[in-house]
Amino acid sequence: MISRVARGCHAIELSERQETILRIVKGEGPITGEQIAEKLSLTRATLRPDLAILTMSGFLDARPRVGYFYAGKSSNQLLGDYIRKLTVKEHKSIPVVCQEDTTVYDAMCTMFLEDVGTLFVVREGGLLIGVVSRKDFLKSLMGSRELAQTPIGVIMTRMPNIVTCKLDDTLLEAAALLIRYQVDALPVVKESSSEKGVEVVGRITKTTVTKAFVELGEGTPV
């Protein structure tokens, strides 16, 4: 089936496949050509002429490393749609952890050597039991504790009083948690398959969010 759609002063004939592409992009854009091809069970090369026609006709627009979007959307809507698709799973970094019986002194050395602002305290199996930050270390330095003898468990914040995020959360949701609770990092967790509790599988920091923002502005992959 071929339909005629008015566009400016001209009538553009769209094939059934092109109309399907428009529906996909309207509902799910921004979306890459590869993703559109996958939904239609076609190759990217097969779709290239259709995408070119829809783009040149003004139905679609495209942004490098973002994908195709319906031209009826504003730039702000496009940017918002794209940001809401960024996930914690795609942007998490490797967590830096220590055990509960690690001394405050050794934990401070780990933080310095790893160049991080937060350590996640775990027990066997990587289960999260606590978090310690620079502020916690500062408080311990101001006290009278013997740092080489005091276990990190004495000064850490314990579960369940820890703000966490999950793999399927969006980066936007994680950023909102960082701001709301005024913390520098969030442990990325998943339910443990062997015992009660959550396993630490990554971390999201203010630097993570800033990096994604900068890369988005530079047009590089985020």
Protein backbone atom coordinates (compact mmCIF):
# COMPACT_ATOMS: atom_id res chain seq x y z
CA MET A 1 0.00 0.00 0.00
CA ILE A 2 1.24 3.47 -0.92
CA SER A 3 -0.18 6.64 0.59
CA ARG A 4 0.28 10.27 -0.33
CA VAL A 5 1.15 12.72 2.44
CA ALA A 6 1.23 16.48 1.97
CA ARG A 7 4.55 18.02 2.95
CA GLY A 8 4.90 21.71 2.20
CA CYS A 9 3.82 22.28 -1.39
CA HIS A 10 4.47 18.72 -2.51
CA ALA A 11 2.69 15.42 -2.08
CA ILE A 12 5.10 12.77 -0.85
CA GLU A 13 4.30 9.14 -1.60
CA LEU A 14 5.23 6.83 1.25
CA SER A 15 5.47 3.10 0.93
CA GLU A 16 4.03 0.82 3.56
CA ARG A 17 7.52 0.17 4.90
CA GLN A 18 8.27 3.89 5.15
CA GLU A 19 5.02 4.45 7.05
CA THR A 20 6.03 1.64 9.40
CA ILE A 21 9.41 3.27 9.93
CA LEU A 22 7.69 6.56 10.77
CA ARG A 23 5.48 4.84 13.35
CA ILE A 24 8.51 3.20 14.96
CA VAL A 25 10.48 6.44 15.15
CA LYS A 26 7.48 8.41 16.45
CA GLY A 27 6.95 5.90 19.23
CA GLU A 28 10.53 5.02 20.15
CA GLY A 29 12.82 7.73 18.80
CA PRO A 30 15.58 8.67 19.01
CA ILE A 31 16.45 5.27 17.59
CA THR A 32 19.36 4.07 15.46
CA GLY A 33 19.09 2.66 11.97
CA GLU A 34 20.34 -0.67 13.25
CA GLN A 35 17.56 -0.81 15.84
CA ILE A 36 14.92 0.03 13.23
CA ALA A 37 16.30 -2.67 10.93
CA GLU A 38 16.21 -5.21 13.75
CA LYS A 39 12.56 -4.44 14.48
CA LEU A 40 11.68 -4.98 10.82
CA SER A 41 13.91 -8.07 10.48
CA LEU A 42 15.83 -6.37 7.69
CA THR A 43 19.41 -5.33 7.13
CA ARG A 44 20.60 -1.77 7.70
CA ALA A 45 21.62 -1.57 4.03
CA THR A 46 18.07 -2.49 2.91
CA LEU A 47 16.61 0.36 4.95
CA ARG A 48 19.16 2.99 3.93
CA PRO A 49 17.17 4.29 0.90
CA ASP A 50 13.95 4.52 2.94
CA LEU A 51 15.68 6.40 5.74
CA ALA A 52 17.31 8.74 3.23
CA ILE A 53 13.95 9.53 1.60
CA LEU A 54 12.24 10.16 4.95
CA THR A 55 15.11 12.36 6.08
CA MET A 56 15.35 14.39 2.87
CA SER A 57 11.57 14.81 2.85
CA GLY A 58 11.67 16.28 6.32
CA PHE A 59 9.72 13.53 8.07
CA LEU A 60 12.74 12.41 10.05
CA ASP A 61 15.88 14.06 11.30
CA ALA A 62 19.07 12.44 12.53
CA ARG A 63 21.78 13.28 14.99
CA PRO A 64 25.21 11.59 14.97
CA ARG A 65 25.55 8.89 17.64
CA VAL A 66 21.97 9.48 18.78
CA GLY A 67 19.89 8.24 15.88
CA TYR A 68 16.72 9.13 14.01
CA PHE A 69 13.89 11.12 15.53
CA TYR A 70 10.58 12.44 14.30
CA ALA A 71 11.04 15.94 12.99
CA GLY A 72 7.92 17.12 14.81
CA LYS A 73 9.84 16.99 18.10
CA SER A 74 11.75 19.97 19.45
CA SER A 75 15.45 19.79 20.27
CA ASN A 76 14.62 19.86 23.98
CA GLN A 77 12.21 16.95 23.58
CA LEU A 78 14.82 15.00 21.64
CA LEU A 79 17.48 15.64 24.26
CA GLY A 80 15.11 14.71 27.07
CA ASP A 81 14.08 11.49 25.32
CA TYR A 82 17.70 10.53 24.80
CA ILE A 83 18.78 11.29 28.37
CA ARG A 84 15.91 9.22 29.76
CA LYS A 85 17.20 6.23 27.79
CA LEU A 86 20.68 6.25 29.39
CA THR A 87 20.89 3.40 31.89
CA VAL A 88 22.94 2.68 34.97
CA LYS A 89 23.96 -0.66 33.45
CA GLU A 90 25.61 1.10 30.49
CA HIS A 91 27.52 3.65 32.57
CA LYS A 92 28.45 1.99 35.87
CA SER A 93 32.11 1.67 36.77
CA ILE A 94 33.94 -0.95 38.82
CA PRO A 95 33.20 -0.66 42.56
CA VAL A 96 36.06 -0.22 45.01
CA VAL A 97 35.38 -2.36 48.07
CA CYS A 98 36.88 -3.42 51.37
CA GLN A 99 35.97 -5.85 54.16
CA GLU A 100 34.39 -4.87 57.46
CA ASP A 101 37.50 -5.83 59.43
CA THR A 102 39.77 -3.64 57.26
CA THR A 103 41.34 -0.98 59.44
CA VAL A 104 40.50 2.67 58.95
CA TYR A 105 44.12 3.34 58.05
CA ASP A 106 44.22 0.63 55.36
CA ALA A 107 40.86 1.80 53.97
CA MET A 108 42.18 5.35 53.71
CA CYS A 109 45.21 4.06 51.81
CA THR A 110 42.91 2.16 49.44
CA MET A 111 40.82 5.27 48.81
CA PHE A 112 43.97 7.27 48.05
CA LEU A 113 45.52 4.64 45.76
CA GLU A 114 42.26 4.02 43.86
CA ASP A 115 41.52 7.76 43.65
CA VAL A 116 37.89 7.43 44.74
CA GLY A 117 35.75 9.31 47.24
CA THR A 118 33.69 6.38 48.53
CA LEU A 119 34.40 2.80 49.52
CA PHE A 120 31.76 0.08 49.67
CA VAL A 121 32.11 -2.36 52.55
CA VAL A 122 31.19 -5.94 51.74
CA ARG A 123 31.22 -9.34 53.30
CA GLU A 124 31.73 -12.73 51.68
CA GLY A 125 29.99 -12.99 48.34
CA GLY A 126 30.23 -9.26 47.70
CA LEU A 127 27.14 -8.52 49.77
CA LEU A 128 26.84 -4.85 50.66
CA ILE A 129 26.89 -4.09 54.38
CA GLY A 130 28.20 -0.52 54.54
CA VAL A 131 29.57 2.60 52.87
CA VAL A 132 32.37 4.89 54.00
CA SER A 133 33.13 8.32 52.53
CA ARG A 134 35.77 11.02 52.85
CA LYS A 135 33.60 12.72 55.46
CA ASP A 136 33.66 9.57 57.60
CA PHE A 137 37.44 9.46 57.42
CA LEU A 138 37.67 13.13 58.31
CA LYS A 139 35.55 12.55 61.40
CA SER A 140 37.76 9.64 62.44
CA LEU A 141 40.87 11.80 62.02
CA MET A 142 39.35 14.46 64.27
CA GLY A 143 38.63 11.87 66.96
CA SER A 144 40.96 10.03 69.26
CA ARG A 145 40.76 6.62 67.59
CA GLU A 146 43.87 4.66 66.67
CA LEU A 147 43.40 4.44 62.91
CA ALA A 148 45.67 1.43 62.46
CA GLN A 149 43.63 -0.53 65.01
CA THR A 150 40.07 0.62 64.38
CA PRO A 151 38.05 -1.52 61.92
CA ILE A 152 36.19 0.30 59.18
CA GLY A 153 32.94 -1.17 60.49
CA VAL A 154 33.07 1.28 63.40
CA ILE A 155 32.77 4.40 61.24
CA MET A 156 30.81 3.22 58.18
CA THR A 157 27.15 3.82 57.38
CA ARG A 158 25.36 0.48 57.58
CA MET A 159 22.57 -1.14 55.62
CA PRO A 160 19.70 -0.46 55.33
CA ASN A 161 20.61 3.23 55.64
CA ILE A 162 22.39 3.26 52.28
CA VAL A 163 21.03 4.78 49.08
CA THR A 164 21.50 2.37 46.18
CA CYS A 165 20.56 2.05 42.53
CA LYS A 166 19.95 -0.92 40.26
CA LEU A 167 21.19 -1.95 36.82
CA ASP A 168 17.88 -1.18 35.11
CA ASP A 169 17.55 2.29 36.64
CA THR A 170 18.13 5.23 34.34
CA LEU A 171 21.16 7.45 34.76
CA LEU A 172 18.71 10.31 35.29
CA GLU A 173 17.14 8.50 38.26
CA ALA A 174 20.58 7.83 39.73
CA ALA A 175 21.56 11.49 39.31
CA ALA A 176 18.38 12.55 41.10
CA LEU A 177 19.31 10.27 44.04
CA LEU A 178 22.81 11.76 44.22
CA ILE A 179 21.32 15.23 44.50
CA ARG A 180 18.44 14.34 46.82
CA TYR A 181 20.59 12.56 49.38
CA GLN A 182 23.69 14.73 48.86
CA VAL A 183 26.07 11.81 48.36
CA ASP A 184 29.01 11.49 45.99
CA ALA A 185 28.46 7.89 44.90
CA LEU A 186 25.82 5.18 44.72
CA PRO A 187 26.50 1.45 44.86
CA VAL A 188 24.89 -0.40 41.96
CA VAL A 189 23.34 -3.54 43.41
CA LYS A 190 21.43 -6.66 42.44
CA GLU A 191 19.65 -9.23 44.56
CA SER A 192 21.92 -12.04 45.71
CA SER A 193 21.03 -15.42 44.26
CA SER A 194 22.60 -17.37 47.14
CA GLU A 195 21.62 -15.53 50.31
CA LYS A 196 19.63 -12.62 51.68
CA GLY A 197 21.01 -9.23 50.78
CA VAL A 198 22.24 -7.31 47.74
CA GLU A 199 25.47 -7.76 45.83
CA VAL A 200 27.56 -4.79 44.73
CA VAL A 201 28.11 -4.91 40.96
CA GLY A 202 29.17 -1.34 40.20
CA ARG A 203 29.10 2.30 41.18
CA ILE A 204 27.61 5.53 39.87
CA THR A 205 29.26 8.79 40.91
CA LYS A 206 28.85 12.49 40.23
CA THR A 207 31.79 12.09 37.86
CA THR A 208 29.85 9.41 35.95
CA VAL A 209 26.98 11.80 35.36
CA THR A 210 29.29 14.70 34.46
CA LYS A 211 31.18 12.52 31.96
CA ALA A 212 27.94 11.45 30.26
CA PHE A 213 26.83 15.08 30.06
CA VAL A 214 30.14 16.21 28.53
CA GLU A 215 30.20 13.34 26.01
CA LEU A 216 26.63 14.14 24.99
CA GLY A 217 27.59 17.75 24.35
CA GLU A 218 30.64 16.72 22.33
CA GLY A 219 28.63 14.29 20.26
CA THR A 220 30.67 11.25 21.31
CA PRO A 221 29.16 7.92 22.44
CA VAL A 222 27.79 7.95 25.98
